[in-house]
């Protein structure tokens, strides 16, 4: 699976779908207000520490139109300062956690500094 390229020169919205146990052992999408306390950290590895405290423990917000989606918008200044120095084309990870429910669910991204990616 290919990773999404993130243009560090623009704000970027990282998001995660939250599912909770439903009936018959199946997962279902979380409903409005059902899950809170979701955090995001940006790291150079899938199990590593945050690149910097500025991109660690970022509180997620619930998407009003789709409550199962929680997101964090990271400002381009933070991406430029802490992610871009990893190097264009290098991987970095958005690591989601919520103590007690899930820890260290991650998504791989690729560093970029432009939109015209082919």
N, C-alpha and C. Protein backbone atom coordinates (compact mmCIF):
# COMPACT_ATOMS: atom_id res chain seq x y z
N UNK A 1 0.84 -1.18 0.00
CA UNK A 1 0.00 0.00 0.00
C UNK A 1 0.89 1.24 0.00
N UNK A 2 0.62 2.14 -0.90
CA UNK A 2 1.43 3.35 -0.97
C UNK A 2 1.00 4.35 0.09
N UNK A 3 1.93 5.15 0.50
CA UNK A 3 1.66 6.16 1.53
C UNK A 3 1.26 7.48 0.88
N UNK A 4 0.47 8.24 1.58
CA UNK A 4 0.06 9.56 1.13
C UNK A 4 1.21 10.54 1.29
N UNK A 5 1.41 11.36 0.28
CA UNK A 5 2.45 12.39 0.35
C UNK A 5 1.87 13.62 1.01
N UNK A 6 2.59 14.17 1.95
CA UNK A 6 2.16 15.35 2.69
C UNK A 6 3.01 16.54 2.28
N UNK A 7 2.35 17.57 1.74
CA UNK A 7 3.03 18.82 1.40
C UNK A 7 3.21 19.60 2.69
N UNK A 8 4.43 19.64 3.19
CA UNK A 8 4.72 20.30 4.46
C UNK A 8 4.58 21.81 4.39
N UNK A 9 4.43 22.36 3.19
CA UNK A 9 4.25 23.80 3.03
C UNK A 9 2.80 24.22 3.25
N UNK A 10 1.93 23.27 3.52
CA UNK A 10 0.51 23.55 3.75
C UNK A 10 0.06 22.87 5.04
N UNK A 11 -0.97 23.43 5.67
CA UNK A 11 -1.57 22.76 6.81
C UNK A 11 -2.06 21.40 6.34
N UNK A 12 -2.01 20.40 7.21
CA UNK A 12 -2.43 19.07 6.84
C UNK A 12 -3.37 18.51 7.89
N UNK A 13 -4.46 17.92 7.42
CA UNK A 13 -5.45 17.33 8.33
C UNK A 13 -5.25 15.81 8.38
N UNK A 14 -4.77 15.33 9.51
CA UNK A 14 -4.61 13.91 9.75
C UNK A 14 -5.91 13.42 10.39
N UNK A 15 -6.41 12.27 9.94
CA UNK A 15 -7.64 11.78 10.54
C UNK A 15 -7.61 10.27 10.71
N UNK A 16 -8.44 9.80 11.63
CA UNK A 16 -8.53 8.38 11.93
C UNK A 16 -10.00 8.02 12.15
N UNK A 17 -10.40 6.85 11.70
CA UNK A 17 -11.77 6.35 11.91
C UNK A 17 -11.78 5.58 13.23
N UNK A 18 -12.69 5.95 14.10
CA UNK A 18 -12.81 5.30 15.41
C UNK A 18 -13.96 4.30 15.36
N UNK A 19 -13.64 3.07 15.69
CA UNK A 19 -14.67 2.04 15.78
C UNK A 19 -14.68 1.46 17.19
N UNK A 20 -15.86 1.06 17.62
CA UNK A 20 -16.05 0.52 18.97
C UNK A 20 -16.78 -0.82 18.86
N UNK A 21 -16.69 -1.65 19.90
CA UNK A 21 -17.39 -2.94 19.86
C UNK A 21 -18.89 -2.74 19.72
N UNK A 22 -19.48 -3.51 18.82
CA UNK A 22 -20.92 -3.49 18.61
C UNK A 22 -21.50 -4.84 18.99
N UNK A 23 -22.58 -5.18 18.39
CA UNK A 23 -23.22 -6.46 18.68
C UNK A 23 -22.52 -7.59 17.93
N UNK A 24 -22.66 -8.79 18.45
CA UNK A 24 -22.11 -10.01 17.83
C UNK A 24 -20.60 -9.92 17.57
N UNK A 25 -19.89 -9.16 18.42
CA UNK A 25 -18.44 -9.08 18.29
C UNK A 25 -17.95 -8.28 17.11
N UNK A 26 -18.83 -7.57 16.45
CA UNK A 26 -18.43 -6.75 15.30
C UNK A 26 -18.17 -5.32 15.74
N UNK A 27 -17.30 -4.68 14.99
CA UNK A 27 -17.02 -3.27 15.26
C UNK A 27 -18.03 -2.40 14.53
N UNK A 28 -18.31 -1.25 15.13
CA UNK A 28 -19.18 -0.26 14.49
C UNK A 28 -18.52 1.10 14.64
N UNK A 29 -18.89 2.02 13.77
CA UNK A 29 -18.36 3.38 13.87
C UNK A 29 -18.86 4.04 15.15
N UNK A 30 -17.98 4.80 15.79
CA UNK A 30 -18.36 5.53 16.99
C UNK A 30 -19.41 6.59 16.64
N UNK A 31 -20.26 6.88 17.60
CA UNK A 31 -21.28 7.91 17.41
C UNK A 31 -20.82 9.21 18.06
N UNK A 32 -21.54 10.28 17.81
CA UNK A 32 -21.19 11.60 18.33
C UNK A 32 -21.01 11.56 19.84
N UNK A 33 -19.88 12.04 20.31
CA UNK A 33 -19.59 12.14 21.74
C UNK A 33 -19.23 10.84 22.42
N UNK A 34 -19.20 9.75 21.70
CA UNK A 34 -18.95 8.44 22.31
C UNK A 34 -17.49 8.22 22.70
N UNK A 35 -16.56 8.77 21.92
CA UNK A 35 -15.14 8.57 22.18
C UNK A 35 -14.44 9.93 22.25
N UNK A 36 -13.69 10.12 23.31
CA UNK A 36 -12.90 11.35 23.45
C UNK A 36 -11.51 10.97 23.94
N UNK A 37 -10.63 11.93 23.97
CA UNK A 37 -9.28 11.68 24.46
C UNK A 37 -8.33 11.07 23.46
N UNK A 38 -8.66 11.12 22.18
CA UNK A 38 -7.78 10.58 21.14
C UNK A 38 -6.64 11.58 20.92
N UNK A 39 -5.43 11.05 20.84
CA UNK A 39 -4.22 11.88 20.68
C UNK A 39 -3.43 11.45 19.45
N UNK A 40 -2.67 12.38 18.91
CA UNK A 40 -1.82 12.13 17.74
C UNK A 40 -0.39 12.55 18.06
N UNK A 41 0.57 11.76 17.55
CA UNK A 41 1.96 12.19 17.55
C UNK A 41 2.55 11.88 16.19
N UNK A 42 3.46 12.71 15.75
CA UNK A 42 4.16 12.49 14.48
C UNK A 42 5.56 12.00 14.81
N UNK A 43 5.95 10.91 14.17
CA UNK A 43 7.20 10.24 14.50
C UNK A 43 7.93 9.82 13.23
N UNK A 44 9.23 9.59 13.36
CA UNK A 44 10.03 9.11 12.23
C UNK A 44 9.90 7.59 12.06
N UNK A 45 9.34 6.91 13.06
CA UNK A 45 9.14 5.46 12.96
C UNK A 45 7.77 5.09 13.50
N UNK A 46 7.31 3.91 13.18
CA UNK A 46 5.96 3.50 13.58
C UNK A 46 5.82 3.24 15.07
N UNK A 47 6.92 3.12 15.77
CA UNK A 47 6.86 2.87 17.21
C UNK A 47 7.65 3.90 18.01
N UNK A 48 8.12 4.94 17.34
CA UNK A 48 9.04 5.87 17.97
C UNK A 48 8.39 7.02 18.71
N UNK A 49 9.25 7.77 19.33
CA UNK A 49 8.84 8.98 20.03
C UNK A 49 8.48 10.06 19.01
N UNK A 50 7.82 11.09 19.48
CA UNK A 50 7.47 12.22 18.62
C UNK A 50 8.73 12.90 18.11
N UNK A 51 8.61 13.49 16.94
CA UNK A 51 9.72 14.26 16.37
C UNK A 51 10.11 15.42 17.28
N UNK A 52 9.12 15.97 17.97
CA UNK A 52 9.32 17.09 18.88
C UNK A 52 8.07 17.21 19.73
N UNK A 53 8.18 17.84 20.89
CA UNK A 53 7.02 18.04 21.75
C UNK A 53 5.90 18.82 21.06
N UNK A 54 6.27 19.64 20.07
CA UNK A 54 5.27 20.43 19.35
C UNK A 54 4.34 19.57 18.50
N UNK A 55 4.77 18.35 18.16
CA UNK A 55 3.94 17.44 17.36
C UNK A 55 3.69 16.13 18.13
N UNK A 56 3.51 16.29 19.43
CA UNK A 56 3.23 15.15 20.31
C UNK A 56 1.98 15.44 21.12
N UNK A 57 1.21 14.39 21.39
CA UNK A 57 0.06 14.52 22.28
C UNK A 57 -0.95 15.56 21.79
N UNK A 58 -1.14 15.64 20.47
CA UNK A 58 -2.07 16.60 19.88
C UNK A 58 -3.49 16.06 20.02
N UNK A 59 -4.37 16.83 20.61
CA UNK A 59 -5.75 16.39 20.85
C UNK A 59 -6.56 16.39 19.57
N UNK A 60 -7.25 15.28 19.33
CA UNK A 60 -8.09 15.14 18.15
C UNK A 60 -9.47 15.73 18.41
N UNK A 61 -10.10 16.19 17.34
CA UNK A 61 -11.46 16.71 17.39
C UNK A 61 -12.35 15.77 16.59
N UNK A 62 -13.61 15.74 16.95
CA UNK A 62 -14.58 14.90 16.25
C UNK A 62 -15.11 15.65 15.03
N UNK A 63 -15.22 14.97 13.91
CA UNK A 63 -15.78 15.55 12.70
C UNK A 63 -17.30 15.62 12.88
N UNK A 64 -17.86 16.80 12.86
CA UNK A 64 -19.30 16.97 13.10
C UNK A 64 -20.15 16.22 12.08
N UNK A 65 -19.71 16.17 10.84
CA UNK A 65 -20.48 15.52 9.79
C UNK A 65 -20.33 13.99 9.82
N UNK A 66 -19.26 13.51 10.38
CA UNK A 66 -18.98 12.06 10.45
C UNK A 66 -18.29 11.78 11.78
N UNK A 67 -19.04 11.61 12.87
CA UNK A 67 -18.47 11.51 14.21
C UNK A 67 -17.44 10.40 14.41
N UNK A 68 -17.45 9.37 13.58
CA UNK A 68 -16.45 8.31 13.72
C UNK A 68 -15.07 8.78 13.27
N UNK A 69 -15.02 9.87 12.52
CA UNK A 69 -13.74 10.42 12.08
C UNK A 69 -13.27 11.47 13.08
N UNK A 70 -12.08 11.26 13.61
CA UNK A 70 -11.48 12.27 14.46
C UNK A 70 -10.24 12.78 13.73
N UNK A 71 -9.91 14.04 13.96
CA UNK A 71 -8.84 14.64 13.18
C UNK A 71 -8.02 15.62 14.01
N UNK A 72 -6.82 15.88 13.50
CA UNK A 72 -5.94 16.92 14.01
C UNK A 72 -5.41 17.64 12.78
N UNK A 73 -5.56 18.95 12.74
CA UNK A 73 -4.96 19.74 11.67
C UNK A 73 -3.63 20.27 12.18
N UNK A 74 -2.56 19.92 11.49
CA UNK A 74 -1.21 20.34 11.88
C UNK A 74 -0.80 21.49 10.98
N UNK A 75 -0.42 22.58 11.59
CA UNK A 75 -0.03 23.80 10.90
C UNK A 75 1.23 23.58 10.06
N UNK A 76 1.28 24.22 8.91
CA UNK A 76 2.43 24.08 8.01
C UNK A 76 3.74 24.50 8.67
N UNK A 77 3.68 25.45 9.59
CA UNK A 77 4.93 25.86 10.25
C UNK A 77 5.52 24.71 11.07
N UNK A 78 4.67 23.91 11.71
CA UNK A 78 5.16 22.75 12.46
C UNK A 78 5.67 21.66 11.52
N UNK A 79 4.95 21.45 10.43
CA UNK A 79 5.39 20.44 9.46
C UNK A 79 6.73 20.83 8.84
N UNK A 80 6.88 22.11 8.52
CA UNK A 80 8.12 22.59 7.92
C UNK A 80 9.29 22.47 8.90
N UNK A 81 9.03 22.76 10.14
CA UNK A 81 10.08 22.75 11.16
C UNK A 81 10.47 21.35 11.59
N UNK A 82 9.50 20.43 11.74
CA UNK A 82 9.79 19.14 12.34
C UNK A 82 9.69 17.94 11.39
N UNK A 83 8.89 18.02 10.34
CA UNK A 83 8.74 16.87 9.43
C UNK A 83 9.62 17.03 8.19
N UNK A 84 9.60 18.19 7.57
CA UNK A 84 10.36 18.40 6.35
C UNK A 84 11.86 18.07 6.49
N UNK A 85 12.50 18.35 7.63
CA UNK A 85 13.91 18.01 7.76
C UNK A 85 14.23 16.51 7.67
N UNK A 86 13.22 15.66 7.77
CA UNK A 86 13.45 14.23 7.58
C UNK A 86 13.93 13.96 6.15
N UNK A 87 13.51 14.82 5.22
CA UNK A 87 13.94 14.70 3.83
C UNK A 87 12.80 14.33 2.91
N UNK A 88 12.73 15.02 1.81
CA UNK A 88 11.70 14.77 0.81
C UNK A 88 11.75 13.30 0.37
N UNK A 89 10.60 12.65 0.37
CA UNK A 89 10.52 11.24 -0.01
C UNK A 89 10.67 10.27 1.14
N UNK A 90 11.03 10.78 2.31
CA UNK A 90 11.19 9.91 3.49
C UNK A 90 9.84 9.67 4.17
N UNK A 91 9.73 8.56 4.86
CA UNK A 91 8.51 8.23 5.58
C UNK A 91 8.46 8.89 6.95
N UNK A 92 7.24 9.16 7.39
CA UNK A 92 6.99 9.52 8.78
C UNK A 92 5.63 8.95 9.14
N UNK A 93 5.30 8.96 10.41
CA UNK A 93 4.12 8.25 10.88
C UNK A 93 3.22 9.12 11.73
N UNK A 94 1.93 9.02 11.47
CA UNK A 94 0.91 9.61 12.33
C UNK A 94 0.48 8.48 13.25
N UNK A 95 0.75 8.63 14.54
CA UNK A 95 0.47 7.57 15.50
C UNK A 95 -0.66 8.03 16.42
N UNK A 96 -1.75 7.28 16.40
CA UNK A 96 -2.95 7.61 17.17
C UNK A 96 -3.00 6.76 18.42
N UNK A 97 -3.49 7.34 19.49
CA UNK A 97 -3.64 6.55 20.72
C UNK A 97 -4.75 7.12 21.59
N UNK A 98 -5.25 6.24 22.41
CA UNK A 98 -6.19 6.60 23.47
C UNK A 98 -6.01 5.56 24.54
N UNK A 99 -5.45 5.95 25.66
CA UNK A 99 -5.14 5.03 26.72
C UNK A 99 -6.36 4.21 27.11
N UNK A 100 -6.17 2.92 27.17
CA UNK A 100 -7.23 2.02 27.57
C UNK A 100 -8.02 1.44 26.42
N UNK A 101 -8.02 2.09 25.26
CA UNK A 101 -8.79 1.59 24.13
C UNK A 101 -7.89 1.12 22.99
N UNK A 102 -7.03 1.98 22.55
CA UNK A 102 -6.08 1.57 21.52
C UNK A 102 -4.83 2.40 21.69
N UNK A 103 -3.72 1.79 21.40
CA UNK A 103 -2.44 2.47 21.51
C UNK A 103 -1.62 2.21 20.26
N UNK A 104 -1.03 3.25 19.78
CA UNK A 104 -0.05 3.15 18.71
C UNK A 104 -0.59 2.60 17.39
N UNK A 105 -1.82 2.97 17.04
CA UNK A 105 -2.32 2.71 15.69
C UNK A 105 -1.68 3.76 14.81
N UNK A 106 -1.05 3.34 13.73
CA UNK A 106 -0.30 4.31 12.93
C UNK A 106 -0.65 4.24 11.45
N UNK A 107 -0.36 5.36 10.78
CA UNK A 107 -0.50 5.47 9.34
C UNK A 107 0.80 6.08 8.81
N UNK A 108 1.34 5.48 7.76
CA UNK A 108 2.59 5.98 7.17
C UNK A 108 2.28 7.06 6.14
N UNK A 109 3.09 8.11 6.17
CA UNK A 109 3.02 9.20 5.20
C UNK A 109 4.41 9.43 4.63
N UNK A 110 4.48 10.21 3.56
CA UNK A 110 5.75 10.53 2.93
C UNK A 110 5.91 12.04 2.90
N UNK A 111 7.09 12.49 3.25
CA UNK A 111 7.43 13.92 3.28
C UNK A 111 7.49 14.48 1.87
N UNK A 112 6.86 15.62 1.67
CA UNK A 112 6.96 16.34 0.41
C UNK A 112 6.93 17.83 0.71
N UNK A 113 7.25 18.63 -0.29
CA UNK A 113 7.23 20.08 -0.09
C UNK A 113 6.56 20.79 -1.25
N UNK A 114 5.72 20.06 -1.95
CA UNK A 114 5.02 20.64 -3.09
C UNK A 114 3.74 19.85 -3.36
N UNK A 115 2.87 20.40 -4.18
CA UNK A 115 1.61 19.75 -4.53
C UNK A 115 1.67 18.95 -5.82
N UNK A 116 2.55 19.31 -6.73
CA UNK A 116 2.57 18.72 -8.07
C UNK A 116 3.30 17.37 -8.07
N UNK A 117 2.75 16.43 -7.35
CA UNK A 117 3.36 15.11 -7.23
C UNK A 117 2.81 14.21 -8.34
N UNK A 118 3.69 13.52 -9.01
CA UNK A 118 3.25 12.62 -10.08
C UNK A 118 3.30 11.18 -9.62
